[in-house]
Amino acid sequence: MEMAGEQEQESALLKLRKSRDLTQKQIADALGVTVQTVSNWEVGRAEPKLTIRQFKALLRVLQCSVEQLPDDLGPLEREG
């Protein structure tokens, strides 16, 4: 099973979430989505498509400003 590659690529959302000691459930509850949805965003299976209300909730729960939020929340591309 080739899981090491996936684990090496932490997404920007995952890093932000971990830095704030938040769980996927806390993010999901704040945005009104499922834990699976947050997981899919973090591993790059889906891109967040948020309403303005959800976007504001994401900023609140992550305690960051629009400027601090990365442009891409999925897995970070590795140069190779």
N, C-alpha and C. Protein backbone atom coordinates (compact mmCIF):
# COMPACT_ATOMS: atom_id res chain seq x y z
N MET A 1 0.84 -1.19 0.00
CA MET A 1 0.00 0.00 0.00
C MET A 1 0.88 1.24 0.00
N GLU A 2 0.62 2.14 -0.93
CA GLU A 2 1.44 3.33 -1.10
C GLU A 2 0.82 4.53 -0.40
N MET A 3 0.91 4.55 0.92
CA MET A 3 0.30 5.64 1.67
C MET A 3 1.33 6.69 2.07
N ALA A 4 2.61 6.36 2.01
CA ALA A 4 3.63 7.29 2.47
C ALA A 4 3.60 8.59 1.69
N GLY A 5 3.39 8.52 0.38
CA GLY A 5 3.34 9.72 -0.44
C GLY A 5 2.24 10.67 -0.01
N GLU A 6 1.07 10.12 0.32
CA GLU A 6 -0.04 10.95 0.75
C GLU A 6 0.26 11.61 2.09
N GLN A 7 0.90 10.88 2.99
CA GLN A 7 1.18 11.42 4.31
C GLN A 7 2.24 12.51 4.25
N GLU A 8 3.16 12.44 3.27
CA GLU A 8 4.22 13.44 3.17
C GLU A 8 3.66 14.79 2.74
N GLN A 9 2.58 14.80 1.99
CA GLN A 9 2.03 16.03 1.45
C GLN A 9 0.92 16.56 2.34
N GLU A 10 1.29 17.30 3.36
CA GLU A 10 0.27 17.90 4.21
C GLU A 10 -0.31 19.11 3.49
N SER A 11 -1.61 19.20 3.49
CA SER A 11 -2.26 20.33 2.84
C SER A 11 -2.14 21.58 3.71
N ALA A 12 -2.33 22.72 3.06
CA ALA A 12 -2.32 23.98 3.79
C ALA A 12 -3.44 24.01 4.84
N LEU A 13 -4.60 23.46 4.48
CA LEU A 13 -5.71 23.41 5.43
C LEU A 13 -5.36 22.54 6.62
N LEU A 14 -4.75 21.39 6.38
CA LEU A 14 -4.36 20.50 7.46
C LEU A 14 -3.35 21.18 8.39
N LYS A 15 -2.37 21.86 7.81
CA LYS A 15 -1.37 22.55 8.64
C LYS A 15 -2.02 23.64 9.48
N LEU A 16 -2.91 24.41 8.87
CA LEU A 16 -3.62 25.45 9.63
C LEU A 16 -4.46 24.84 10.74
N ARG A 17 -5.17 23.77 10.41
CA ARG A 17 -6.04 23.12 11.40
C ARG A 17 -5.21 22.60 12.57
N LYS A 18 -4.10 21.92 12.27
CA LYS A 18 -3.25 21.38 13.33
C LYS A 18 -2.63 22.49 14.17
N SER A 19 -2.24 23.59 13.53
CA SER A 19 -1.61 24.69 14.26
C SER A 19 -2.59 25.34 15.24
N ARG A 20 -3.87 25.18 15.00
CA ARG A 20 -4.90 25.73 15.89
C ARG A 20 -5.48 24.65 16.82
N ASP A 21 -4.89 23.45 16.78
CA ASP A 21 -5.37 22.32 17.61
C ASP A 21 -6.85 22.05 17.39
N LEU A 22 -7.26 22.06 16.12
CA LEU A 22 -8.65 21.79 15.77
C LEU A 22 -8.78 20.41 15.15
N THR A 23 -9.94 19.81 15.32
CA THR A 23 -10.22 18.53 14.67
C THR A 23 -10.98 18.78 13.37
N GLN A 24 -11.01 17.76 12.53
CA GLN A 24 -11.80 17.86 11.32
C GLN A 24 -13.27 18.08 11.68
N LYS A 25 -13.72 17.46 12.75
CA LYS A 25 -15.11 17.61 13.18
C LYS A 25 -15.42 19.06 13.56
N GLN A 26 -14.49 19.72 14.22
CA GLN A 26 -14.72 21.12 14.60
C GLN A 26 -14.84 22.01 13.35
N ILE A 27 -14.00 21.76 12.37
CA ILE A 27 -14.08 22.52 11.11
C ILE A 27 -15.41 22.21 10.43
N ALA A 28 -15.73 20.92 10.34
CA ALA A 28 -16.97 20.50 9.67
C ALA A 28 -18.19 21.11 10.35
N ASP A 29 -18.24 21.06 11.67
CA ASP A 29 -19.38 21.62 12.40
C ASP A 29 -19.51 23.12 12.17
N ALA A 30 -18.39 23.83 12.15
CA ALA A 30 -18.42 25.28 11.95
C ALA A 30 -18.94 25.65 10.56
N LEU A 31 -18.67 24.79 9.58
CA LEU A 31 -19.04 25.08 8.20
C LEU A 31 -20.34 24.41 7.77
N GLY A 32 -20.84 23.50 8.60
CA GLY A 32 -22.07 22.79 8.23
C GLY A 32 -21.84 21.76 7.14
N VAL A 33 -20.66 21.13 7.15
CA VAL A 33 -20.35 20.07 6.19
C VAL A 33 -19.97 18.82 6.97
N THR A 34 -19.73 17.73 6.27
CA THR A 34 -19.35 16.49 6.95
C THR A 34 -17.84 16.43 7.19
N VAL A 35 -17.46 15.58 8.12
CA VAL A 35 -16.04 15.34 8.38
C VAL A 35 -15.37 14.79 7.12
N GLN A 36 -16.09 13.94 6.39
CA GLN A 36 -15.55 13.38 5.15
C GLN A 36 -15.25 14.48 4.14
N THR A 37 -16.08 15.50 4.09
CA THR A 37 -15.85 16.63 3.19
C THR A 37 -14.55 17.34 3.54
N VAL A 38 -14.34 17.61 4.82
CA VAL A 38 -13.10 18.26 5.27
C VAL A 38 -11.91 17.38 4.94
N SER A 39 -12.03 16.09 5.18
CA SER A 39 -10.97 15.14 4.85
C SER A 39 -10.66 15.18 3.35
N ASN A 40 -11.69 15.20 2.53
CA ASN A 40 -11.49 15.26 1.08
C ASN A 40 -10.76 16.53 0.66
N TRP A 41 -11.06 17.64 1.31
CA TRP A 41 -10.35 18.89 1.01
C TRP A 41 -8.88 18.75 1.37
N GLU A 42 -8.62 18.16 2.54
CA GLU A 42 -7.24 18.07 3.03
C GLU A 42 -6.37 17.16 2.17
N VAL A 43 -6.94 16.13 1.58
CA VAL A 43 -6.13 15.21 0.76
C VAL A 43 -6.21 15.54 -0.72
N GLY A 44 -6.97 16.57 -1.07
CA GLY A 44 -7.03 17.00 -2.46
C GLY A 44 -8.03 16.27 -3.33
N ARG A 45 -8.92 15.49 -2.73
CA ARG A 45 -9.95 14.80 -3.51
C ARG A 45 -11.06 15.75 -3.96
N ALA A 46 -11.18 16.87 -3.26
CA ALA A 46 -12.20 17.87 -3.60
C ALA A 46 -11.68 19.24 -3.21
N GLU A 47 -12.18 20.25 -3.89
CA GLU A 47 -11.85 21.63 -3.55
C GLU A 47 -13.03 22.25 -2.82
N PRO A 48 -12.74 23.06 -1.79
CA PRO A 48 -13.83 23.71 -1.08
C PRO A 48 -14.61 24.65 -2.00
N LYS A 49 -15.90 24.55 -1.96
CA LYS A 49 -16.79 25.47 -2.66
C LYS A 49 -17.70 26.04 -1.57
N LEU A 50 -17.25 27.15 -1.00
CA LEU A 50 -17.90 27.70 0.18
C LEU A 50 -18.79 28.90 -0.15
N THR A 51 -19.85 29.01 0.61
CA THR A 51 -20.67 30.22 0.55
C THR A 51 -19.92 31.31 1.32
N ILE A 52 -20.36 32.54 1.18
CA ILE A 52 -19.75 33.64 1.93
C ILE A 52 -19.84 33.36 3.43
N ARG A 53 -20.98 32.88 3.88
CA ARG A 53 -21.17 32.56 5.30
C ARG A 53 -20.17 31.49 5.75
N GLN A 54 -20.01 30.43 4.95
CA GLN A 54 -19.06 29.37 5.29
C GLN A 54 -17.63 29.89 5.28
N PHE A 55 -17.31 30.74 4.31
CA PHE A 55 -15.97 31.31 4.22
C PHE A 55 -15.66 32.13 5.48
N LYS A 56 -16.60 32.94 5.91
CA LYS A 56 -16.41 33.72 7.14
C LYS A 56 -16.26 32.81 8.35
N ALA A 57 -17.04 31.74 8.39
CA ALA A 57 -16.95 30.78 9.50
C ALA A 57 -15.58 30.10 9.50
N LEU A 58 -15.07 29.79 8.31
CA LEU A 58 -13.74 29.17 8.21
C LEU A 58 -12.68 30.11 8.77
N LEU A 59 -12.74 31.38 8.40
CA LEU A 59 -11.79 32.36 8.92
C LEU A 59 -11.89 32.46 10.44
N ARG A 60 -13.12 32.45 10.96
CA ARG A 60 -13.31 32.54 12.42
C ARG A 60 -12.73 31.32 13.13
N VAL A 61 -13.07 30.13 12.64
CA VAL A 61 -12.63 28.91 13.34
C VAL A 61 -11.11 28.74 13.24
N LEU A 62 -10.53 29.15 12.12
CA LEU A 62 -9.07 29.05 11.97
C LEU A 62 -8.34 30.25 12.58
N GLN A 63 -9.10 31.23 13.02
CA GLN A 63 -8.54 32.44 13.63
C GLN A 63 -7.50 33.08 12.71
N CYS A 64 -7.90 33.29 11.47
CA CYS A 64 -6.98 33.93 10.53
C CYS A 64 -7.73 34.93 9.67
N SER A 65 -6.96 35.79 9.03
CA SER A 65 -7.53 36.79 8.14
C SER A 65 -7.54 36.24 6.71
N VAL A 66 -8.20 36.95 5.84
CA VAL A 66 -8.22 36.56 4.43
C VAL A 66 -6.79 36.51 3.89
N GLU A 67 -5.96 37.46 4.29
CA GLU A 67 -4.58 37.51 3.81
C GLU A 67 -3.76 36.31 4.29
N GLN A 68 -4.07 35.78 5.46
CA GLN A 68 -3.33 34.65 6.01
C GLN A 68 -3.77 33.32 5.42
N LEU A 69 -4.95 33.28 4.83
CA LEU A 69 -5.47 32.04 4.26
C LEU A 69 -4.77 31.76 2.94
N PRO A 70 -4.19 30.57 2.77
CA PRO A 70 -3.52 30.26 1.51
C PRO A 70 -4.50 30.23 0.34
N ASP A 71 -3.99 30.49 -0.85
CA ASP A 71 -4.83 30.47 -2.05
C ASP A 71 -5.34 29.06 -2.35
N ASP A 72 -4.56 28.05 -2.00
CA ASP A 72 -4.93 26.66 -2.25
C ASP A 72 -4.90 25.91 -0.93
N LEU A 73 -6.00 25.28 -0.56
CA LEU A 73 -6.08 24.57 0.71
C LEU A 73 -5.75 23.09 0.59
N GLY A 74 -5.55 22.61 -0.63
CA GLY A 74 -5.26 21.19 -0.85
C GLY A 74 -3.81 20.86 -0.56
N PRO A 75 -3.41 19.62 -0.88
CA PRO A 75 -2.04 19.19 -0.65
C PRO A 75 -1.05 20.09 -1.37
N LEU A 76 0.06 20.35 -0.71
CA LEU A 76 1.09 21.19 -1.30
C LEU A 76 1.86 20.39 -2.34
N GLU A 77 2.09 20.99 -3.48
CA GLU A 77 2.84 20.32 -4.55
C GLU A 77 4.31 20.27 -4.18
N ARG A 78 4.90 19.10 -4.35
CA ARG A 78 6.33 18.96 -4.10
C ARG A 78 7.07 19.08 -5.42
N GLU A 79 8.18 19.81 -5.37
CA GLU A 79 9.00 19.91 -6.58
C GLU A 79 9.81 18.64 -6.70
N GLY A 80 9.91 18.13 -7.90
CA GLY A 80 10.64 16.88 -8.02
C GLY A 80 11.12 16.71 -9.35
